[in-house]
Amino acid sequence: MVRAPALLRWSFIVGAVVDGLFAVLMAAPPRYIGRVFGLEAFDPGAAFRYSSAVGAALMAGWTLLLLWALRAPVERRGVLLVTIVAVLGLMGANAYAVAAGVVAAAAMAPTFVMQAGLIGLFAAGYRSAARG
C-alpha cells in the first residue's frame, strides 16, 4: 500500500469540507446569496430556488466524490484535476454574475480568492502524488 502525501490527503479533505458547506448554504439561497453577496432583501423565486437546489445536490455529490477519493488518494488523484475544471467553471459563472451586475465585484472577491486558493491546493496535492 502506497502512503499518500499529506498535501494530497488535505486537498481531498479541504475540498470535501468546502463543498459540503456550500451544499448546505445553497439549500437555503435567501440566507446564502443575500448575506454572502450583500444583496439587500433578496427574495428568490421558484426558478432560482430550483436551480439552487440542483446546485446543492451537485455539491453534496461532489463532497461524497472527494471523500471517496480520500479512501485511495494516490490512485484517485485524478479526481483533483476534474475538480479543478469544476472550480474553473464556477469561477466563470461568478465572473458572469459580476459582469451582469448581479453581484458587486467587491462582494465576489473573497469567493474568487477562495476558489483560486483551492485550485492551487488541488494542483499542489496532485503534483505531490505524482512526485511521491
C-alpha atoms as a PDB file:
ATOM      1  CA  MET A   1       0.000   0.000   0.000  1.00  0.00           C
ATOM      2  CA  VAL A   2       1.395   3.392  -1.030  1.00  0.00           C
ATOM      3  CA  ARG A   3       1.349   6.100   1.656  1.00  0.00           C
ATOM      4  CA  ALA A   4      -0.302   9.226   0.284  1.00  0.00           C
ATOM      5  CA  PRO A   5       1.456  12.566   0.731  1.00  0.00           C
ATOM      6  CA  ALA A   6      -0.181  14.735   3.406  1.00  0.00           C
ATOM      7  CA  LEU A   7      -0.824  17.534   0.919  1.00  0.00           C
ATOM      8  CA  LEU A   8      -2.791  15.151  -1.285  1.00  0.00           C
ATOM      9  CA  ARG A   9      -4.929  13.951   1.617  1.00  0.00           C
ATOM     10  CA  TRP A  10      -5.534  17.532   2.795  1.00  0.00           C
ATOM     11  CA  SER A  11      -6.601  18.509  -0.718  1.00  0.00           C
ATOM     12  CA  PHE A  12      -9.412  15.975  -0.588  1.00  0.00           C
ATOM     13  CA  ILE A  13     -10.378  16.891   2.978  1.00  0.00           C
ATOM     14  CA  VAL A  14     -10.472  20.655   2.372  1.00  0.00           C
ATOM     15  CA  GLY A  15     -12.359  20.171  -0.883  1.00  0.00           C
ATOM     16  CA  ALA A  16     -14.951  17.959   0.811  1.00  0.00           C
ATOM     17  CA  VAL A  17     -15.438  20.417   3.675  1.00  0.00           C
ATOM     18  CA  VAL A  18     -15.848  23.404   1.342  1.00  0.00           C
ATOM     19  CA  ASP A  19     -18.224  21.550  -0.978  1.00  0.00           C
ATOM     20  CA  GLY A  20     -20.231  20.223   1.950  1.00  0.00           C
ATOM     21  CA  LEU A  21     -20.546  23.708   3.388  1.00  0.00           C
ATOM     22  CA  PHE A  22     -21.671  25.146   0.068  1.00  0.00           C
ATOM     23  CA  ALA A  23     -24.185  22.317  -0.367  1.00  0.00           C
ATOM     24  CA  VAL A  24     -25.806  23.378   2.886  1.00  0.00           C
ATOM     25  CA  LEU A  25     -25.638  27.082   2.019  1.00  0.00           C
ATOM     26  CA  MET A  26     -27.110  26.554  -1.438  1.00  0.00           C
ATOM     27  CA  ALA A  27     -30.025  24.682   0.104  1.00  0.00           C
ATOM     28  CA  ALA A  28     -31.026  27.998   1.750  1.00  0.00           C
ATOM     29  CA  PRO A  29     -30.486  30.577  -1.039  1.00  0.00           C
ATOM     30  CA  PRO A  30     -32.105  33.624   0.613  1.00  0.00           C
ATOM     31  CA  ARG A  31     -29.663  33.423   3.505  1.00  0.00           C
ATOM     32  CA  TYR A  32     -26.644  32.377   1.474  1.00  0.00           C
ATOM     33  CA  ILE A  33     -26.939  34.643  -1.546  1.00  0.00           C
ATOM     34  CA  GLY A  34     -28.323  37.602   0.341  1.00  0.00           C
ATOM     35  CA  ARG A  35     -25.762  37.641   3.128  1.00  0.00           C
ATOM     36  CA  VAL A  36     -22.644  36.454   1.368  1.00  0.00           C
ATOM     37  CA  PHE A  37     -23.020  38.677  -1.678  1.00  0.00           C
ATOM     38  CA  GLY A  38     -24.553  41.687   0.045  1.00  0.00           C
ATOM     39  CA  LEU A  39     -27.885  41.647  -1.780  1.00  0.00           C
ATOM     40  CA  GLU A  40     -30.425  43.503   0.326  1.00  0.00           C
ATOM     41  CA  ALA A  41     -33.920  41.996   0.575  1.00  0.00           C
ATOM     42  CA  PHE A  42     -33.013  39.056  -1.677  1.00  0.00           C
ATOM     43  CA  ASP A  43     -36.168  37.003  -2.241  1.00  0.00           C
ATOM     44  CA  PRO A  44     -35.584  34.385  -4.955  1.00  0.00           C
ATOM     45  CA  GLY A  45     -38.447  32.983  -6.947  1.00  0.00           C
ATOM     46  CA  ALA A  46     -39.221  29.341  -7.593  1.00  0.00           C
ATOM     47  CA  ALA A  47     -36.902  29.092 -10.620  1.00  0.00           C
ATOM     48  CA  PHE A  48     -33.923  30.359  -8.641  1.00  0.00           C
ATOM     49  CA  ARG A  49     -34.742  28.105  -5.690  1.00  0.00           C
ATOM     50  CA  TYR A  50     -34.943  25.146  -8.068  1.00  0.00           C
ATOM     51  CA  SER A  51     -31.574  25.887  -9.682  1.00  0.00           C
ATOM     52  CA  SER A  52     -30.031  26.422  -6.260  1.00  0.00           C
ATOM     53  CA  ALA A  53     -31.396  23.056  -5.089  1.00  0.00           C
ATOM     54  CA  VAL A  54     -29.864  21.403  -8.166  1.00  0.00           C
ATOM     55  CA  GLY A  55     -26.543  23.065  -7.350  1.00  0.00           C
ATOM     56  CA  ALA A  56     -26.807  21.939  -3.726  1.00  0.00           C
ATOM     57  CA  ALA A  57     -27.366  18.353  -4.840  1.00  0.00           C
ATOM     58  CA  LEU A  58     -24.340  18.507  -7.129  1.00  0.00           C
ATOM     59  CA  MET A  59     -22.196  19.982  -4.347  1.00  0.00           C
ATOM     60  CA  ALA A  60     -23.318  17.205  -1.999  1.00  0.00           C
ATOM     61  CA  GLY A  61     -22.435  14.636  -4.642  1.00  0.00           C
ATOM     62  CA  TRP A  62     -19.024  16.223  -5.191  1.00  0.00           C
ATOM     63  CA  THR A  63     -18.460  16.133  -1.427  1.00  0.00           C
ATOM     64  CA  LEU A  64     -19.036  12.384  -1.495  1.00  0.00           C
ATOM     65  CA  LEU A  65     -16.778  12.024  -4.555  1.00  0.00           C
ATOM     66  CA  LEU A  66     -13.914  13.750  -2.728  1.00  0.00           C
ATOM     67  CA  LEU A  67     -14.455  11.611   0.382  1.00  0.00           C
ATOM     68  CA  TRP A  68     -14.454   8.509  -1.836  1.00  0.00           C
ATOM     69  CA  ALA A  69     -11.190   9.631  -3.440  1.00  0.00           C
ATOM     70  CA  LEU A  70      -9.701  10.167   0.031  1.00  0.00           C
ATOM     71  CA  ARG A  71     -10.024   6.413   0.664  1.00  0.00           C
ATOM     72  CA  ALA A  72      -7.371   5.743  -2.034  1.00  0.00           C
ATOM     73  CA  PRO A  73      -5.870   9.192  -2.643  1.00  0.00           C
ATOM     74  CA  VAL A  74      -2.887   8.279  -4.797  1.00  0.00           C
ATOM     75  CA  GLU A  75      -4.894   6.013  -7.070  1.00  0.00           C
ATOM     76  CA  ARG A  76      -7.755   8.534  -7.320  1.00  0.00           C
ATOM     77  CA  ARG A  77      -5.693  11.723  -7.529  1.00  0.00           C
ATOM     78  CA  GLY A  78      -7.191  12.412 -10.972  1.00  0.00           C
ATOM     79  CA  VAL A  79     -10.376  13.468  -9.185  1.00  0.00           C
ATOM     80  CA  LEU A  80      -8.471  16.628  -8.229  1.00  0.00           C
ATOM     81  CA  LEU A  81      -7.910  17.506 -11.895  1.00  0.00           C
ATOM     82  CA  VAL A  82     -11.621  17.152 -12.622  1.00  0.00           C
ATOM     83  CA  THR A  83     -12.346  19.223  -9.515  1.00  0.00           C
ATOM     84  CA  ILE A  84     -10.070  21.983 -10.804  1.00  0.00           C
ATOM     85  CA  VAL A  85     -12.117  22.071 -14.020  1.00  0.00           C
ATOM     86  CA  ALA A  86     -15.323  22.290 -11.969  1.00  0.00           C
ATOM     87  CA  VAL A  87     -13.939  25.166  -9.876  1.00  0.00           C
ATOM     88  CA  LEU A  88     -12.873  26.993 -13.053  1.00  0.00           C
ATOM     89  CA  GLY A  89     -16.462  26.624 -14.294  1.00  0.00           C
ATOM     90  CA  LEU A  90     -17.774  28.073 -11.042  1.00  0.00           C
ATOM     91  CA  MET A  91     -15.340  30.974 -11.381  1.00  0.00           C
ATOM     92  CA  GLY A  92     -16.684  31.617 -14.868  1.00  0.00           C
ATOM     93  CA  ALA A  93     -20.258  31.658 -13.561  1.00  0.00           C
ATOM     94  CA  ASN A  94     -19.220  34.045 -10.801  1.00  0.00           C
ATOM     95  CA  ALA A  95     -17.474  36.313 -13.304  1.00  0.00           C
ATOM     96  CA  TYR A  96     -20.686  36.380 -15.320  1.00  0.00           C
ATOM     97  CA  ALA A  97     -22.655  37.420 -12.214  1.00  0.00           C
ATOM     98  CA  VAL A  98     -20.250  40.312 -11.684  1.00  0.00           C
ATOM     99  CA  ALA A  99     -20.236  41.333 -15.368  1.00  0.00           C
ATOM    100  CA  ALA A 100     -24.052  41.221 -15.493  1.00  0.00           C
ATOM    101  CA  GLY A 101     -24.259  43.465 -12.449  1.00  0.00           C
ATOM    102  CA  VAL A 102     -25.951  40.854 -10.292  1.00  0.00           C
ATOM    103  CA  VAL A 103     -23.194  40.910  -7.662  1.00  0.00           C
ATOM    104  CA  ALA A 104     -20.659  43.630  -6.920  1.00  0.00           C
ATOM    105  CA  ALA A 105     -17.050  42.730  -7.671  1.00  0.00           C
ATOM    106  CA  ALA A 106     -16.043  43.577  -4.099  1.00  0.00           C
ATOM    107  CA  ALA A 107     -18.626  41.143  -2.742  1.00  0.00           C
ATOM    108  CA  MET A 108     -17.433  38.386  -5.082  1.00  0.00           C
ATOM    109  CA  ALA A 109     -13.718  38.951  -4.430  1.00  0.00           C
ATOM    110  CA  PRO A 110     -13.470  36.664  -1.366  1.00  0.00           C
ATOM    111  CA  THR A 111     -15.098  33.862  -3.338  1.00  0.00           C
ATOM    112  CA  PHE A 112     -12.608  34.301  -6.187  1.00  0.00           C
ATOM    113  CA  VAL A 113      -9.718  34.253  -3.712  1.00  0.00           C
ATOM    114  CA  MET A 114     -11.041  31.080  -2.081  1.00  0.00           C
ATOM    115  CA  GLN A 115     -11.517  29.406  -5.467  1.00  0.00           C
ATOM    116  CA  ALA A 116      -8.024  30.371  -6.625  1.00  0.00           C
ATOM    117  CA  GLY A 117      -6.624  29.006  -3.366  1.00  0.00           C
ATOM    118  CA  LEU A 118      -8.493  25.742  -3.848  1.00  0.00           C
ATOM    119  CA  ILE A 119      -7.145  25.395  -7.375  1.00  0.00           C
ATOM    120  CA  GLY A 120      -3.616  25.961  -6.051  1.00  0.00           C
ATOM    121  CA  LEU A 121      -4.124  23.422  -3.274  1.00  0.00           C
ATOM    122  CA  PHE A 122      -5.594  20.815  -5.620  1.00  0.00           C
ATOM    123  CA  ALA A 123      -2.811  21.278  -8.178  1.00  0.00           C
ATOM    124  CA  ALA A 124      -0.131  21.034  -5.480  1.00  0.00           C
ATOM    125  CA  GLY A 125      -1.835  17.976  -3.977  1.00  0.00           C
ATOM    126  CA  TYR A 126      -1.954  16.285  -7.372  1.00  0.00           C
ATOM    127  CA  ARG A 127       1.701  17.090  -8.012  1.00  0.00           C
ATOM    128  CA  SER A 128       2.713  15.767  -4.602  1.00  0.00           C
ATOM    129  CA  ALA A 129       1.194  12.397  -5.532  1.00  0.00           C
ATOM    130  CA  ALA A 130       2.980  12.370  -8.876  1.00  0.00           C
ATOM    131  CA  ARG A 131       6.318  13.047  -7.152  1.00  0.00           C
ATOM    132  CA  GLY A 132       5.650  10.583  -4.324  1.00  0.00           C
END
